[in-house]
Amino acid sequence: MDSPGNEPDPRFTLANERTFLTWLSTSLALSAGGVAMAAVSEDVFVPWMRTVLALTLVCLSALSAAMAYPRWRRVQRALRSATPLPPPAIAPLLGYGVAAVAVLAMILILLGR
């Protein structure tokens, strides 16, 4: 990275890289969850709700993947300039989005019994 500033401790750079890779892993898991939700049997959820849940998971996946590198770059810049780290702007959206999908899925499972 050609940012001005001092080279940070390699441990911090490697931790930032691991966090970047974790955002990508999260994205893959969300995508797999969306595909799995789309493949759920029609007698478990009504088809339109399955589609909504699947699309929500896949959209969260795309957002997580798209924001991973810019986040890595902002953190690396902050490490080099010894400034406070930026907050993870996408974390609340992912947290609330996954929680909403889980609650809706739970309600649909309970109503289907």
Protein backbone atom coordinates (compact mmCIF):
# COMPACT_ATOMS: atom_id res chain seq x y z
CA MET A 1 0.00 0.00 0.00
CA ASP A 2 1.47 3.35 -1.02
CA SER A 3 0.00 5.40 1.82
CA PRO A 4 2.04 8.03 3.55
CA GLY A 5 3.01 7.46 7.16
CA ASN A 6 5.01 4.95 9.10
CA GLU A 7 5.02 1.23 8.56
CA PRO A 8 2.81 -0.23 11.33
CA ASP A 9 3.77 -3.18 13.48
CA PRO A 10 3.40 -6.26 11.24
CA ARG A 11 1.09 -7.86 13.80
CA PHE A 12 -1.44 -5.07 13.29
CA THR A 13 -1.20 -5.31 9.52
CA LEU A 14 -1.70 -9.08 9.68
CA ALA A 15 -4.64 -8.67 12.10
CA ASN A 16 -6.19 -6.21 9.65
CA GLU A 17 -5.71 -8.73 6.85
CA ARG A 18 -7.33 -11.49 8.93
CA THR A 19 -10.29 -9.19 9.56
CA PHE A 20 -10.56 -8.55 5.82
CA LEU A 21 -10.58 -12.29 5.16
CA THR A 22 -13.20 -12.78 7.87
CA TRP A 23 -15.48 -10.26 6.15
CA LEU A 24 -15.07 -12.31 2.96
CA SER A 25 -15.78 -15.56 4.85
CA THR A 26 -18.89 -13.97 6.30
CA SER A 27 -19.92 -12.99 2.80
CA LEU A 28 -19.51 -16.56 1.56
CA ALA A 29 -21.51 -17.93 4.49
CA LEU A 30 -24.33 -15.44 3.88
CA SER A 31 -24.36 -16.34 0.20
CA ALA A 32 -24.51 -20.06 1.00
CA GLY A 33 -27.34 -19.36 3.45
CA GLY A 34 -29.23 -17.49 0.76
CA VAL A 35 -28.82 -20.33 -1.72
CA ALA A 36 -29.88 -22.86 0.93
CA MET A 37 -32.93 -20.77 1.80
CA ALA A 38 -33.91 -20.65 -1.87
CA ALA A 39 -33.61 -24.45 -2.04
CA VAL A 40 -35.83 -25.10 1.00
CA SER A 41 -38.83 -27.27 0.24
CA GLU A 42 -42.03 -25.44 -0.71
CA ASP A 43 -43.93 -27.05 2.15
CA VAL A 44 -41.65 -25.41 4.76
CA PHE A 45 -42.11 -21.72 3.84
CA VAL A 46 -44.43 -20.00 1.45
CA PRO A 47 -42.51 -19.43 -1.79
CA TRP A 48 -42.55 -15.62 -1.74
CA MET A 49 -41.18 -15.53 1.84
CA ARG A 50 -38.44 -18.02 0.94
CA THR A 51 -37.47 -15.72 -1.92
CA VAL A 52 -37.45 -12.64 0.33
CA LEU A 53 -35.27 -14.37 2.94
CA ALA A 54 -32.91 -15.76 0.30
CA LEU A 55 -32.54 -12.40 -1.45
CA THR A 56 -31.94 -10.64 1.86
CA LEU A 57 -29.11 -13.04 2.71
CA VAL A 58 -27.54 -12.76 -0.74
CA CYS A 59 -27.77 -8.95 -0.66
CA LEU A 60 -26.09 -8.90 2.76
CA SER A 61 -23.43 -11.17 1.28
CA ALA A 62 -22.77 -8.79 -1.61
CA LEU A 63 -22.64 -5.82 0.75
CA SER A 64 -20.19 -7.57 3.06
CA ALA A 65 -17.90 -8.51 0.18
CA ALA A 66 -18.09 -5.06 -1.41
CA MET A 67 -17.24 -3.29 1.84
CA ALA A 68 -14.40 -5.59 2.92
CA TYR A 69 -11.58 -4.02 0.90
CA PRO A 70 -12.51 -0.36 1.53
CA ARG A 71 -12.64 -1.20 5.25
CA TRP A 72 -9.21 -2.85 5.08
CA ARG A 73 -7.81 0.21 3.27
CA ARG A 74 -9.26 2.69 5.83
CA VAL A 75 -7.91 0.69 8.76
CA GLN A 76 -4.49 0.34 7.12
CA ARG A 77 -4.39 4.10 6.51
CA ALA A 78 -5.29 4.74 10.16
CA LEU A 79 -2.58 2.34 11.33
CA ARG A 80 0.04 4.10 9.20
CA SER A 81 -0.95 7.56 10.41
CA ALA A 82 -1.47 6.51 14.06
CA THR A 83 -5.04 7.84 14.07
CA PRO A 84 -8.11 6.20 15.64
CA LEU A 85 -9.49 3.23 13.76
CA PRO A 86 -12.71 3.85 11.82
CA PRO A 87 -15.81 2.12 13.14
CA PRO A 88 -17.10 -0.83 11.10
CA ALA A 89 -20.02 0.90 9.38
CA ILE A 90 -21.45 -2.29 7.93
CA ALA A 91 -21.48 -4.30 11.18
CA PRO A 92 -24.85 -3.01 12.45
CA LEU A 93 -26.49 -3.59 9.08
CA LEU A 94 -25.19 -7.15 8.89
CA GLY A 95 -26.09 -7.87 12.50
CA TYR A 96 -29.63 -6.55 12.25
CA GLY A 97 -30.14 -8.05 8.79
CA VAL A 98 -29.11 -11.55 9.85
CA ALA A 99 -31.15 -11.23 13.07
CA ALA A 100 -34.23 -10.21 11.06
CA VAL A 101 -33.84 -13.18 8.72
CA ALA A 102 -33.40 -15.53 11.69
CA VAL A 103 -36.48 -14.19 13.52
CA LEU A 104 -38.64 -14.39 10.37
CA ALA A 105 -37.42 -17.92 9.66
CA MET A 106 -38.15 -18.94 13.25
CA ILE A 107 -41.67 -17.49 13.07
CA LEU A 108 -42.33 -19.25 9.77
CA ILE A 109 -41.04 -22.55 11.15
CA LEU A 110 -43.29 -22.24 14.22
CA LEU A 111 -46.34 -21.28 12.14
CA GLY A 112 -45.72 -24.20 9.80
CA ARG A 113 -46.07 -26.79 12.59
